[in-house]
Protein backbone atom coordinates (compact mmCIF):
# COMPACT_ATOMS: atom_id res chain seq x y z
CA MET A 1 -70.83 -18.27 7.78
CA GLN A 2 -72.56 -21.36 9.13
CA THR A 3 -76.28 -22.02 9.05
CA ASN A 4 -77.85 -23.76 12.04
CA PRO A 5 -74.60 -23.34 14.01
CA THR A 6 -73.81 -25.38 17.12
CA HIS A 7 -71.31 -23.27 19.00
CA THR A 8 -70.76 -24.41 22.57
CA SER A 9 -68.36 -21.75 23.88
CA LEU A 10 -67.53 -18.06 23.47
CA VAL A 11 -64.57 -15.96 24.62
CA ALA A 12 -64.69 -12.17 24.26
CA VAL A 13 -61.46 -10.14 24.11
CA GLY A 14 -61.20 -6.35 24.19
CA ASP A 15 -61.83 -3.10 26.05
CA SER A 16 -64.84 -1.16 27.39
CA PHE A 17 -66.90 -1.84 24.26
CA THR A 18 -66.74 -5.58 24.94
CA GLU A 19 -66.96 -5.15 28.72
CA GLY A 20 -70.40 -3.65 28.12
CA MET A 21 -70.20 0.02 29.04
CA SER A 22 -72.70 1.78 29.24
CA ASP A 23 -75.37 -0.96 29.40
CA LEU A 24 -75.84 -0.52 33.12
CA LEU A 25 -77.75 -3.07 35.21
CA PRO A 26 -79.63 -2.24 38.46
CA ASP A 27 -76.82 -3.71 40.57
CA GLY A 28 -74.29 -1.28 39.08
CA THR A 29 -72.55 -3.79 36.80
CA TYR A 30 -72.47 -3.66 33.01
CA ARG A 31 -74.12 -6.18 30.71
CA GLY A 32 -73.33 -5.34 27.06
CA TRP A 33 -73.49 -7.05 23.69
CA ALA A 34 -71.16 -9.94 24.57
CA ASP A 35 -73.28 -11.00 27.55
CA LEU A 36 -76.44 -10.69 25.45
CA LEU A 37 -74.87 -12.78 22.69
CA ALA A 38 -73.72 -15.42 25.19
CA SER A 39 -77.22 -15.63 26.62
CA ARG A 40 -78.71 -16.24 23.18
CA MET A 41 -76.10 -18.86 22.33
CA ALA A 42 -76.64 -20.58 25.68
CA ALA A 43 -80.36 -20.82 24.95
CA VAL A 44 -79.70 -23.08 21.95
CA ALA A 45 -76.62 -24.98 23.18
CA PRO A 46 -76.91 -26.94 26.46
CA GLY A 47 -73.79 -26.64 28.58
CA PHE A 48 -72.68 -23.47 26.78
CA ARG A 49 -69.60 -21.79 28.32
CA TYR A 50 -68.58 -18.14 28.23
CA ALA A 51 -65.62 -15.99 29.28
CA ASN A 52 -65.21 -12.24 28.88
CA LEU A 53 -61.64 -11.03 29.34
CA ALA A 54 -62.35 -7.41 28.40
CA VAL A 55 -61.28 -4.51 30.62
CA ARG A 56 -62.19 -0.88 30.01
CA GLY A 57 -59.50 1.50 28.79
CA LYS A 58 -57.14 -1.17 27.44
CA LEU A 59 -54.88 -0.33 24.52
CA ILE A 60 -54.07 -2.91 21.87
CA ARG A 61 -50.66 -3.73 23.42
CA GLN A 62 -52.34 -4.44 26.78
CA ILE A 63 -54.96 -6.60 25.08
CA VAL A 64 -52.22 -8.62 23.37
CA ASP A 65 -50.11 -8.92 26.52
CA GLU A 66 -52.90 -9.63 29.02
CA GLN A 67 -55.77 -11.30 27.16
CA VAL A 68 -54.77 -12.97 23.91
CA GLU A 69 -52.74 -15.89 25.23
CA VAL A 70 -55.34 -16.58 27.91
CA ALA A 71 -58.10 -16.62 25.28
CA ALA A 72 -56.12 -18.86 22.93
CA ALA A 73 -55.55 -21.40 25.71
CA MET A 74 -59.32 -21.69 26.24
CA ARG A 75 -59.77 -23.07 22.69
CA ALA A 76 -63.33 -21.81 22.44
CA ASP A 77 -65.59 -22.37 19.47
CA VAL A 78 -65.96 -18.61 18.97
CA VAL A 79 -63.56 -15.82 19.95
CA THR A 80 -64.43 -12.16 19.42
CA LEU A 81 -61.58 -9.65 19.22
CA VAL A 82 -62.17 -5.89 19.24
CA GLY A 83 -59.22 -3.64 20.00
CA GLY A 84 -57.15 -0.73 18.81
CA LEU A 85 -59.84 1.93 18.85
CA ASN A 86 -58.61 3.38 22.16
CA ASP A 87 -55.22 3.81 20.52
CA THR A 88 -56.69 5.77 17.62
CA LEU A 89 -58.31 8.22 20.05
CA ARG A 90 -55.01 9.14 21.71
CA PRO A 91 -53.37 12.45 20.64
CA LYS A 92 -50.34 10.48 19.49
CA CYS A 93 -50.92 7.15 17.84
CA ASP A 94 -48.44 4.93 16.03
CA MET A 95 -50.74 3.24 13.51
CA ALA A 96 -47.97 0.96 12.26
CA MET A 97 -47.56 -0.38 15.79
CA VAL A 98 -51.33 -0.79 16.16
CA ARG A 99 -51.49 -2.77 12.92
CA ASP A 100 -48.56 -4.98 13.98
CA LEU A 101 -50.10 -5.75 17.36
CA LEU A 102 -53.54 -6.44 15.91
CA THR A 103 -51.88 -8.76 13.42
CA GLU A 104 -50.10 -10.55 16.25
CA ALA A 105 -53.37 -10.96 18.14
CA VAL A 106 -55.16 -12.46 15.14
CA GLU A 107 -52.27 -14.79 14.30
CA ARG A 108 -52.23 -16.10 17.88
CA LEU A 109 -55.99 -16.51 18.20
CA ALA A 110 -57.11 -17.83 14.80
CA PRO A 111 -55.46 -21.28 15.06
CA HIS A 112 -56.97 -21.93 18.49
CA CYS A 113 -60.68 -21.36 17.88
CA LYS A 114 -63.23 -22.61 15.39
CA GLN A 115 -64.35 -19.09 14.44
CA LEU A 116 -62.62 -15.78 15.07
CA VAL A 117 -64.86 -12.71 14.88
CA LEU A 118 -63.47 -9.22 14.23
CA MET A 119 -65.38 -5.97 14.01
CA ARG A 120 -65.42 -2.61 12.31
CA SER A 121 -66.39 -0.71 15.46
CA PRO A 122 -69.32 1.73 15.48
CA ALA A 123 -68.71 5.48 15.39
CA ARG A 124 -71.00 8.19 16.70
CA GLN A 125 -71.68 11.22 14.53
CA GLY A 126 -69.92 14.32 15.85
CA PRO A 127 -66.90 16.61 15.49
CA VAL A 128 -64.63 14.62 17.83
CA GLN A 129 -65.18 11.42 15.86
CA GLU A 130 -64.55 13.24 12.59
CA ARG A 131 -61.10 14.26 13.81
CA PHE A 132 -60.06 10.65 14.40
CA ARG A 133 -61.98 9.06 11.52
CA PRO A 134 -58.94 8.58 9.20
CA ARG A 135 -57.17 6.55 11.89
CA MET A 136 -60.30 4.51 12.55
CA GLU A 137 -60.72 3.70 8.88
CA ALA A 138 -57.06 2.72 8.61
CA LEU A 139 -57.65 0.33 11.53
CA PHE A 140 -60.70 -1.15 9.80
CA THR A 141 -58.74 -1.69 6.59
CA CYS A 142 -56.30 -3.74 8.63
CA VAL A 143 -59.21 -5.68 10.16
CA ASP A 144 -60.57 -6.53 6.71
CA GLU A 145 -57.17 -7.68 5.45
CA LEU A 146 -56.55 -9.87 8.50
CA ALA A 147 -59.98 -11.42 8.27
CA GLU A 148 -59.46 -12.39 4.65
CA ARG A 149 -56.05 -13.83 5.43
CA HIS A 150 -57.12 -15.88 8.45
CA GLY A 151 -60.73 -16.82 7.71
CA ALA A 152 -62.23 -14.55 10.35
CA LEU A 153 -65.69 -13.02 10.20
CA VAL A 154 -65.98 -9.22 10.11
CA VAL A 155 -69.07 -7.62 11.62
CA ASP A 156 -69.49 -4.20 10.02
CA LEU A 157 -70.88 -1.97 12.76
CA TYR A 158 -69.18 1.11 11.34
CA GLY A 159 -71.38 0.95 8.25
CA ALA A 160 -74.65 0.52 10.15
CA PRO A 161 -76.77 3.72 10.08
CA SER A 162 -78.38 2.88 13.42
CA LEU A 163 -75.07 2.81 15.28
CA SER A 164 -73.99 6.25 14.09
CA ASP A 165 -77.22 7.75 15.45
CA GLN A 166 -76.45 9.91 18.50
CA ARG A 167 -79.53 8.57 20.30
CA LEU A 168 -77.88 5.14 20.60
CA TRP A 169 -74.89 6.57 22.47
CA ASP A 170 -74.64 7.22 26.19
CA VAL A 171 -74.10 10.67 27.71
CA ASP A 172 -70.33 10.04 27.78
CA ARG A 173 -70.42 9.95 23.93
CA LEU A 174 -67.99 7.03 23.93
CA HIS A 175 -70.19 4.05 24.74
CA LEU A 176 -73.42 2.62 23.40
CA THR A 177 -76.74 2.61 25.22
CA ALA A 178 -78.53 -0.62 26.10
CA ASP A 179 -80.33 -0.50 22.73
CA GLY A 180 -77.02 -0.01 20.96
CA HIS A 181 -75.54 -3.07 22.66
CA ARG A 182 -78.64 -5.08 21.79
CA ARG A 183 -78.15 -4.22 18.13
CA VAL A 184 -74.48 -5.22 18.24
CA ALA A 185 -75.43 -8.58 19.77
CA GLU A 186 -77.94 -9.05 16.96
CA ALA A 187 -75.32 -8.20 14.34
CA VAL A 188 -72.83 -10.76 15.69
CA TRP A 189 -75.59 -13.34 16.16
CA GLN A 190 -76.60 -13.06 12.52
CA SER A 191 -72.97 -13.04 11.29
CA LEU A 192 -72.42 -16.37 13.07
CA GLY A 193 -75.29 -17.85 11.08
CA TYR A 194 -78.11 -17.79 13.61
CA PRO A 195 -81.62 -16.87 12.39
CA PRO A 196 -82.39 -13.13 12.74
CA GLU A 197 -84.39 -11.93 15.71
CA ASP A 198 -84.24 -8.31 14.55
CA PRO A 199 -83.76 -8.15 10.77
CA GLU A 200 -83.84 -4.34 10.92
CA TRP A 201 -81.14 -3.81 13.54
CA GLN A 202 -79.24 -1.55 11.13
CA LEU A 203 -82.12 0.91 10.81
CA PRO A 204 -82.08 3.98 13.11
CA PRO A 205 -84.85 4.48 15.68
CA PRO A 206 -87.94 6.33 14.44
CA ALA A 207 -87.43 10.03 13.81
CA SER A 208 -87.94 12.34 16.78
CA LEU A 209 -87.76 16.06 17.35
CA PRO A 210 -84.17 17.16 18.06
CA PRO A 211 -83.51 18.73 21.47
CA GLY A 212 -83.56 22.53 21.65
CA TRP A 213 -80.52 24.78 21.84
CA THR A 214 -80.69 25.16 25.63
CA THR A 215 -80.96 21.42 26.15
CA ARG A 216 -78.00 20.76 23.85
CA ARG A 217 -75.80 23.32 25.58
CA ALA A 218 -76.68 21.91 29.00
CA ALA A 219 -75.81 18.43 27.75
CA ASP A 220 -72.49 19.71 26.36
CA ALA A 221 -71.60 21.28 29.70
CA ARG A 222 -72.52 18.13 31.62
CA PHE A 223 -70.51 15.98 29.21
CA ALA A 224 -67.43 18.21 29.59
CA ARG A 225 -67.65 18.23 33.38
CA GLN A 226 -68.47 14.58 34.00
CA HIS A 227 -66.64 12.82 31.17
CA LEU A 228 -64.35 14.92 28.96
CA LEU A 229 -62.29 16.59 31.70
CA PRO A 230 -61.70 13.34 33.65
CA TRP A 231 -60.71 11.64 30.39
CA ILE A 232 -58.19 14.39 29.62
CA SER A 233 -56.86 14.21 33.17
CA ARG A 234 -56.23 10.46 32.83
CA ARG A 235 -54.40 11.01 29.54
CA LEU A 236 -52.17 13.68 31.06
CA THR A 237 -51.30 11.57 34.09
CA GLY A 238 -50.88 8.28 32.25
CA ARG A 239 -53.76 6.60 34.06
CA SER A 240 -56.54 4.44 32.66
CA SER A 241 -60.10 3.75 33.78
CA GLY A 242 -59.18 0.07 33.73
CA ASP A 243 -56.15 0.27 36.01
CA GLY A 244 -56.35 -2.47 38.63
CA ARG A 245 -59.55 -3.96 37.23
CA PRO A 246 -59.76 -7.72 36.71
CA PRO A 247 -61.31 -9.20 33.56
CA LYS A 248 -65.09 -9.17 33.54
CA ARG A 249 -65.47 -12.97 33.45
CA PRO A 250 -61.99 -14.53 33.52
CA GLU A 251 -62.90 -18.22 33.35
CA LEU A 252 -64.64 -20.20 30.64
CA LEU A 253 -67.63 -21.43 32.65
CA PRO A 254 -71.24 -22.46 32.00
CA TYR A 255 -73.46 -19.47 31.34
CA ASP A 256 -77.10 -19.05 32.23
CA VAL A 257 -79.73 -17.56 29.94
CA TRP A 258 -80.76 -14.03 30.99
């Protein structure tokens, strides 16, 4: 990790987590941790450039096929790579294939940037996450091994108490709130060697009274209707929420401070 870093470019590679869902802006677009991080980096590096190739719903094979070579060709100072978690949430998941593809992605990206950043993705507390936790932890073991082998940084979001708190997750239970994304940006910012702006980003929000039984059941019903059933429908029909979507920010261009 550098101190007083002077990074002049950032490329983000991944899926909905890196695209910024569910940090919704008034114009209907998503911001997210990568945009927030780019804004901070731009504030201390004149002429800073940023690209975000992430597209929601992408599996690790799609990330490798559609984003990795493009990112490598940009030769940015910093490249962030987060992928494979969508695979682990599928009913059938070939973890050996996921590990091989993640390895391929790291091997293709690491030689073409000054600093590759990998992550142990955050996980919300809940029964659905518990079912897939062994796969997730197998993925993170692979991330740690690849980082050690290729000199990448690993940002441990999985181990942060704040990011397992249900209050930092959107109503779809799959994506972080605006505050969650802010904390991720802070975590990556600090991992890159920049001085902390929020030294306590890992701490959960102050304690609050839990919602009552009626409120929880209403939230469960709304979640099932608006998010779970459409997600199941896409799985059954082989569709993805990212089908036909272009990358969020496909070119490495100057980036303005928010």
